Every structure is written in C-alpha cells, then in structure tokens.
Amino acid sequence: MLKFVKHNLESISGVEIFPIISLLIFFLFFIVLYTWVFTYKKEKITELSNIPFDGDDQNNTIN
C-alpha cells in the first residue's frame, strides 16, 4: 500500500515541502498555545477555576 501512495506522490511537483510545512504548522500552534497559557493572568485563572464552587444553585435544583 505504501508503494501505491509513494508512486502517486512522486508525480506531484514540490511534494517534499509538504511534510516540512505541516511540521512547522504543528510546532507553531503549540508555541502560540504555550505563550498564550503562560501569559494569561493568574487572577482570571483563579476566577474561572472557582466558578463551580460559587454556590449559585439556581440551575442545579431537582424537582
């Protein structure tokens, strides 16, 4: 099966750049995600993590 795929890919000009581009996109995504997570304000993270414990039971009543 790999021979079938390899044979078809050989007919595409410039196909050797596609794995490099996909690897760059992969690493760029995680670098951006890493910087976004570590630059997020700690106060906001604390606020969001305490949402389940706020005690607002209006939507949690069982009838």
C-alpha atoms as a PDB file:
ATOM      1  CA  MET A   1       0.000   0.000   0.000  1.00  0.00           C
ATOM      2  CA  LEU A   2       2.874   2.376   0.722  1.00  0.00           C
ATOM      3  CA  LYS A   3       4.214   1.794  -2.797  1.00  0.00           C
ATOM      4  CA  PHE A   4       0.859   2.919  -4.197  1.00  0.00           C
ATOM      5  CA  VAL A   5       0.886   6.140  -2.177  1.00  0.00           C
ATOM      6  CA  LYS A   6       4.576   6.787  -2.810  1.00  0.00           C
ATOM      7  CA  HIS A   7       4.135   6.334  -6.557  1.00  0.00           C
ATOM      8  CA  ASN A   8       1.264   8.823  -6.667  1.00  0.00           C
ATOM      9  CA  LEU A   9       3.124  11.365  -4.558  1.00  0.00           C
ATOM     10  CA  GLU A  10       6.180  11.225  -6.836  1.00  0.00           C
ATOM     11  CA  SER A  11       4.118  12.695  -9.652  1.00  0.00           C
ATOM     12  CA  ILE A  12       3.375  15.878  -7.643  1.00  0.00           C
ATOM     13  CA  SER A  13       5.978  18.574  -8.102  1.00  0.00           C
ATOM     14  CA  GLY A  14       7.218  20.126  -4.865  1.00  0.00           C
ATOM     15  CA  VAL A  15       5.733  17.399  -2.671  1.00  0.00           C
ATOM     16  CA  GLU A  16       8.843  17.244  -0.470  1.00  0.00           C
ATOM     17  CA  ILE A  17       7.947  20.624   1.089  1.00  0.00           C
ATOM     18  CA  PHE A  18       4.555  19.431   2.441  1.00  0.00           C
ATOM     19  CA  PRO A  19       5.924  17.485   5.457  1.00  0.00           C
ATOM     20  CA  ILE A  20       8.140  20.423   6.385  1.00  0.00           C
ATOM     21  CA  ILE A  21       5.204  22.838   6.224  1.00  0.00           C
ATOM     22  CA  SER A  22       2.994  20.551   8.298  1.00  0.00           C
ATOM     23  CA  LEU A  23       5.715  20.153  10.934  1.00  0.00           C
ATOM     24  CA  LEU A  24       6.169  23.929  11.117  1.00  0.00           C
ATOM     25  CA  ILE A  25       2.411  24.465  11.495  1.00  0.00           C
ATOM     26  CA  PHE A  26       2.328  21.833  14.255  1.00  0.00           C
ATOM     27  CA  PHE A  27       5.158  23.438  16.231  1.00  0.00           C
ATOM     28  CA  LEU A  28       3.912  26.983  15.684  1.00  0.00           C
ATOM     29  CA  PHE A  29       0.478  26.028  17.014  1.00  0.00           C
ATOM     30  CA  PHE A  30       1.924  24.638  20.236  1.00  0.00           C
ATOM     31  CA  ILE A  31       4.362  27.517  20.667  1.00  0.00           C
ATOM     32  CA  VAL A  32       1.490  30.002  20.357  1.00  0.00           C
ATOM     33  CA  LEU A  33      -0.645  27.929  22.734  1.00  0.00           C
ATOM     34  CA  TYR A  34       2.235  27.742  25.232  1.00  0.00           C
ATOM     35  CA  THR A  35       2.779  31.503  25.182  1.00  0.00           C
ATOM     36  CA  TRP A  36      -0.968  32.164  25.495  1.00  0.00           C
ATOM     37  CA  VAL A  37      -1.272  29.900  28.532  1.00  0.00           C
ATOM     38  CA  PHE A  38       1.731  31.320  30.360  1.00  0.00           C
ATOM     39  CA  THR A  39       0.822  34.952  29.700  1.00  0.00           C
ATOM     40  CA  TYR A  40      -2.755  34.504  30.933  1.00  0.00           C
ATOM     41  CA  LYS A  41      -3.480  36.455  34.127  1.00  0.00           C
ATOM     42  CA  LYS A  42      -3.456  34.328  37.261  1.00  0.00           C
ATOM     43  CA  GLU A  43      -6.400  36.246  38.716  1.00  0.00           C
ATOM     44  CA  LYS A  44      -8.542  35.249  35.746  1.00  0.00           C
ATOM     45  CA  ILE A  45      -7.467  31.612  36.048  1.00  0.00           C
ATOM     46  CA  THR A  46      -8.396  31.638  39.747  1.00  0.00           C
ATOM     47  CA  GLU A  47     -11.754  33.224  38.955  1.00  0.00           C
ATOM     48  CA  LEU A  48     -12.525  30.642  36.280  1.00  0.00           C
ATOM     49  CA  SER A  49     -11.424  27.744  38.469  1.00  0.00           C
ATOM     50  CA  ASN A  50     -13.779  28.864  41.269  1.00  0.00           C
ATOM     51  CA  ILE A  51     -16.898  29.058  39.081  1.00  0.00           C
ATOM     52  CA  PRO A  52     -18.161  25.562  40.069  1.00  0.00           C
ATOM     53  CA  PHE A  53     -17.841  26.438  43.776  1.00  0.00           C
ATOM     54  CA  ASP A  54     -19.656  29.787  43.728  1.00  0.00           C
ATOM     55  CA  GLY A  55     -22.790  28.350  45.349  1.00  0.00           C
ATOM     56  CA  ASP A  56     -25.232  29.644  42.743  1.00  0.00           C
ATOM     57  CA  ASP A  57     -27.646  26.717  42.880  1.00  0.00           C
ATOM     58  CA  GLN A  58     -30.467  28.173  40.785  1.00  0.00           C
ATOM     59  CA  ASN A  59     -29.802  25.848  37.867  1.00  0.00           C
ATOM     60  CA  ASN A  60     -28.974  22.808  39.990  1.00  0.00           C
ATOM     61  CA  THR A  61     -32.335  22.250  41.714  1.00  0.00           C
ATOM     62  CA  ILE A  62     -34.068  18.908  41.307  1.00  0.00           C
ATOM     63  CA  ASN A  63     -37.872  18.976  41.145  1.00  0.00           C
END
